[in-house]
């Protein structure tokens, strides 16, 4: 998979923490090829459980990884997009928004959630 950027959802971080070899290989390739990875802050919140996520913590410290805040402007954009698509999960909607902005492929365990927000996004099931 050759992509300009990757955006991880909660399922991707859970897969990493569980030792999934596909996600680890994907992260290694991204680092080698300097492919940026974005992780919406809400995804971190859904995954983080108080220091038990060594693999996730290591990923979030990597130079090519950016945690994207849900600031006021994005919060409003997420609300508008959620209203338009009828998707109830603001974290999924923020994942889609971040990916769209970055021109990124979404790495997810539930492609249907992301497709429900934006069918034009490229989604890779992990």
C-alpha atoms as a PDB file:
ATOM      1  CA  UNK A   1       0.000   0.000   0.000  1.00  0.00           C
ATOM      2  CA  UNK A   2       1.535   3.308  -1.072  1.00  0.00           C
ATOM      3  CA  UNK A   3      -0.243   6.245   0.507  1.00  0.00           C
ATOM      4  CA  UNK A   4       0.660   9.845   1.335  1.00  0.00           C
ATOM      5  CA  UNK A   5      -0.592   9.519   4.929  1.00  0.00           C
ATOM      6  CA  UNK A   6      -2.392   7.242   7.376  1.00  0.00           C
ATOM      7  CA  UNK A   7      -5.049   8.003   9.982  1.00  0.00           C
ATOM      8  CA  UNK A   8      -5.595   5.469  12.758  1.00  0.00           C
ATOM      9  CA  UNK A   9      -8.899   4.844  14.487  1.00  0.00           C
ATOM     10  CA  UNK A  10      -9.391   3.171  17.852  1.00  0.00           C
ATOM     11  CA  UNK A  11      -9.399  -0.325  16.373  1.00  0.00           C
ATOM     12  CA  UNK A  12      -5.952   0.261  14.898  1.00  0.00           C
ATOM     13  CA  UNK A  13      -4.507   1.250  18.279  1.00  0.00           C
ATOM     14  CA  UNK A  14      -6.181  -1.697  19.990  1.00  0.00           C
ATOM     15  CA  UNK A  15      -4.746  -4.023  17.338  1.00  0.00           C
ATOM     16  CA  UNK A  16      -1.292  -2.543  17.966  1.00  0.00           C
ATOM     17  CA  UNK A  17      -1.559  -3.068  21.704  1.00  0.00           C
ATOM     18  CA  UNK A  18      -2.712  -6.652  21.169  1.00  0.00           C
ATOM     19  CA  UNK A  19       0.400  -7.336  19.127  1.00  0.00           C
ATOM     20  CA  UNK A  20      -1.193  -7.567  15.685  1.00  0.00           C
ATOM     21  CA  UNK A  21       1.672  -8.163  13.250  1.00  0.00           C
ATOM     22  CA  UNK A  22      -0.100  -6.433  10.332  1.00  0.00           C
ATOM     23  CA  UNK A  23      -0.363  -3.114  12.163  1.00  0.00           C
ATOM     24  CA  UNK A  24       3.202  -3.390  13.440  1.00  0.00           C
ATOM     25  CA  UNK A  25       4.468  -4.014   9.904  1.00  0.00           C
ATOM     26  CA  UNK A  26       2.399  -1.089   8.621  1.00  0.00           C
ATOM     27  CA  UNK A  27       3.886   1.219  11.268  1.00  0.00           C
ATOM     28  CA  UNK A  28       7.420   0.040  10.442  1.00  0.00           C
ATOM     29  CA  UNK A  29       6.870   0.696   6.723  1.00  0.00           C
ATOM     30  CA  UNK A  30       5.389   4.104   7.469  1.00  0.00           C
ATOM     31  CA  UNK A  31       8.431   5.037   9.566  1.00  0.00           C
ATOM     32  CA  UNK A  32      10.866   3.764   6.919  1.00  0.00           C
ATOM     33  CA  UNK A  33       9.093   5.691   4.163  1.00  0.00           C
ATOM     34  CA  UNK A  34       8.418   8.760   6.323  1.00  0.00           C
ATOM     35  CA  UNK A  35       4.672   8.391   5.837  1.00  0.00           C
ATOM     36  CA  UNK A  36       2.883  10.614   8.364  1.00  0.00           C
ATOM     37  CA  UNK A  37       0.394   9.035  10.745  1.00  0.00           C
ATOM     38  CA  UNK A  38      -2.378  11.068  12.334  1.00  0.00           C
ATOM     39  CA  UNK A  39      -4.307   9.924  15.380  1.00  0.00           C
ATOM     40  CA  UNK A  40      -7.314  12.002  16.481  1.00  0.00           C
ATOM     41  CA  UNK A  41      -7.133  12.813  20.199  1.00  0.00           C
ATOM     42  CA  UNK A  42     -10.502  11.138  20.833  1.00  0.00           C
ATOM     43  CA  UNK A  43      -9.042   7.884  19.513  1.00  0.00           C
ATOM     44  CA  UNK A  44      -6.297   8.156  22.120  1.00  0.00           C
ATOM     45  CA  UNK A  45      -8.952   8.740  24.797  1.00  0.00           C
ATOM     46  CA  UNK A  46     -10.932   5.671  23.697  1.00  0.00           C
ATOM     47  CA  UNK A  47      -7.778   3.546  23.860  1.00  0.00           C
ATOM     48  CA  UNK A  48      -5.854   4.907  26.840  1.00  0.00           C
ATOM     49  CA  UNK A  49      -6.396   3.132  30.130  1.00  0.00           C
ATOM     50  CA  UNK A  50      -3.734   4.513  32.418  1.00  0.00           C
ATOM     51  CA  UNK A  51      -0.286   3.447  31.363  1.00  0.00           C
ATOM     52  CA  UNK A  52      -1.061  -0.087  30.239  1.00  0.00           C
ATOM     53  CA  UNK A  53      -0.576   0.783  26.571  1.00  0.00           C
ATOM     54  CA  UNK A  54       3.193   0.578  26.059  1.00  0.00           C
ATOM     55  CA  UNK A  55       2.942   0.029  22.301  1.00  0.00           C
ATOM     56  CA  UNK A  56       0.489   2.896  21.865  1.00  0.00           C
ATOM     57  CA  UNK A  57       2.628   5.197  24.011  1.00  0.00           C
ATOM     58  CA  UNK A  58       5.685   4.367  21.897  1.00  0.00           C
ATOM     59  CA  UNK A  59       3.762   5.038  18.677  1.00  0.00           C
ATOM     60  CA  UNK A  60       2.449   8.397  19.906  1.00  0.00           C
ATOM     61  CA  UNK A  61       6.014   9.552  20.675  1.00  0.00           C
ATOM     62  CA  UNK A  62       7.260   8.751  17.162  1.00  0.00           C
ATOM     63  CA  UNK A  63       8.458  11.626  15.026  1.00  0.00           C
ATOM     64  CA  UNK A  64       6.123  10.866  12.114  1.00  0.00           C
ATOM     65  CA  UNK A  65       3.000  10.616  14.315  1.00  0.00           C
ATOM     66  CA  UNK A  66       0.731  13.553  15.135  1.00  0.00           C
ATOM     67  CA  UNK A  67      -2.105  13.492  17.648  1.00  0.00           C
ATOM     68  CA  UNK A  68      -4.759  15.827  16.261  1.00  0.00           C
ATOM     69  CA  UNK A  69      -6.719  17.775  18.866  1.00  0.00           C
ATOM     70  CA  UNK A  70     -10.460  18.235  18.691  1.00  0.00           C
ATOM     71  CA  UNK A  71     -10.313  22.006  18.973  1.00  0.00           C
ATOM     72  CA  UNK A  72     -13.197  24.438  18.664  1.00  0.00           C
ATOM     73  CA  UNK A  73     -13.116  24.682  14.863  1.00  0.00           C
ATOM     74  CA  UNK A  74     -12.888  20.917  14.380  1.00  0.00           C
ATOM     75  CA  UNK A  75     -15.585  20.349  16.994  1.00  0.00           C
ATOM     76  CA  UNK A  76     -17.959  22.535  15.017  1.00  0.00           C
ATOM     77  CA  UNK A  77     -17.000  20.851  11.732  1.00  0.00           C
ATOM     78  CA  UNK A  78     -17.509  17.415  13.318  1.00  0.00           C
ATOM     79  CA  UNK A  79     -20.922  18.461  14.597  1.00  0.00           C
ATOM     80  CA  UNK A  80     -21.989  19.683  11.178  1.00  0.00           C
ATOM     81  CA  UNK A  81     -20.680  16.546   9.457  1.00  0.00           C
ATOM     82  CA  UNK A  82     -22.311  14.274  12.052  1.00  0.00           C
ATOM     83  CA  UNK A  83     -25.604  16.030  11.440  1.00  0.00           C
ATOM     84  CA  UNK A  84     -25.289  15.682   7.678  1.00  0.00           C
ATOM     85  CA  UNK A  85     -24.373  12.000   7.639  1.00  0.00           C
ATOM     86  CA  UNK A  86     -26.454  11.004  10.675  1.00  0.00           C
ATOM     87  CA  UNK A  87     -23.527   9.211  12.331  1.00  0.00           C
ATOM     88  CA  UNK A  88     -23.856   9.219  16.138  1.00  0.00           C
ATOM     89  CA  UNK A  89     -20.158   8.711  17.052  1.00  0.00           C
ATOM     90  CA  UNK A  90     -18.237  11.990  17.022  1.00  0.00           C
ATOM     91  CA  UNK A  91     -14.914  10.155  17.283  1.00  0.00           C
ATOM     92  CA  UNK A  92     -15.580   8.269  14.028  1.00  0.00           C
ATOM     93  CA  UNK A  93     -16.623  11.527  12.414  1.00  0.00           C
ATOM     94  CA  UNK A  94     -13.434  13.225  13.632  1.00  0.00           C
ATOM     95  CA  UNK A  95     -11.368  10.323  12.262  1.00  0.00           C
ATOM     96  CA  UNK A  96     -13.013  10.836   8.868  1.00  0.00           C
ATOM     97  CA  UNK A  97     -12.476  14.610   8.999  1.00  0.00           C
ATOM     98  CA  UNK A  98      -8.795  14.263   9.938  1.00  0.00           C
ATOM     99  CA  UNK A  99      -8.221  11.659   7.219  1.00  0.00           C
ATOM    100  CA  UNK A 100      -9.985  13.735   4.580  1.00  0.00           C
ATOM    101  CA  UNK A 101      -7.920  16.796   5.438  1.00  0.00           C
ATOM    102  CA  UNK A 102      -4.657  14.808   5.316  1.00  0.00           C
ATOM    103  CA  UNK A 103      -5.568  12.866   2.183  1.00  0.00           C
ATOM    104  CA  UNK A 104      -4.962   9.803   4.335  1.00  0.00           C
ATOM    105  CA  UNK A 105      -6.003   6.190   4.271  1.00  0.00           C
ATOM    106  CA  UNK A 106      -7.978   5.277   7.389  1.00  0.00           C
ATOM    107  CA  UNK A 107      -6.684   2.212   9.213  1.00  0.00           C
ATOM    108  CA  UNK A 108      -9.662   0.729  11.047  1.00  0.00           C
ATOM    109  CA  UNK A 109     -11.170  -2.431  12.459  1.00  0.00           C
ATOM    110  CA  UNK A 110     -14.625  -1.294  11.353  1.00  0.00           C
ATOM    111  CA  UNK A 111     -14.633   0.060   7.784  1.00  0.00           C
ATOM    112  CA  UNK A 112     -18.411   0.429   7.850  1.00  0.00           C
ATOM    113  CA  UNK A 113     -18.220   3.102  10.544  1.00  0.00           C
ATOM    114  CA  UNK A 114     -15.939   5.274   8.443  1.00  0.00           C
ATOM    115  CA  UNK A 115     -17.842   4.624   5.211  1.00  0.00           C
ATOM    116  CA  UNK A 116     -21.022   5.743   6.972  1.00  0.00           C
ATOM    117  CA  UNK A 117     -19.375   9.134   7.438  1.00  0.00           C
ATOM    118  CA  UNK A 118     -17.600   9.517   4.085  1.00  0.00           C
ATOM    119  CA  UNK A 119     -17.690   6.896   1.341  1.00  0.00           C
ATOM    120  CA  UNK A 120     -14.980   8.699  -0.633  1.00  0.00           C
ATOM    121  CA  UNK A 121     -12.266   7.905   1.924  1.00  0.00           C
ATOM    122  CA  UNK A 122      -9.813   5.090   1.328  1.00  0.00           C
ATOM    123  CA  UNK A 123     -10.172   2.607   4.168  1.00  0.00           C
ATOM    124  CA  UNK A 124      -7.902  -0.312   5.066  1.00  0.00           C
ATOM    125  CA  UNK A 125      -9.283  -2.988   7.368  1.00  0.00           C
ATOM    126  CA  UNK A 126      -6.930  -4.130  10.120  1.00  0.00           C
END
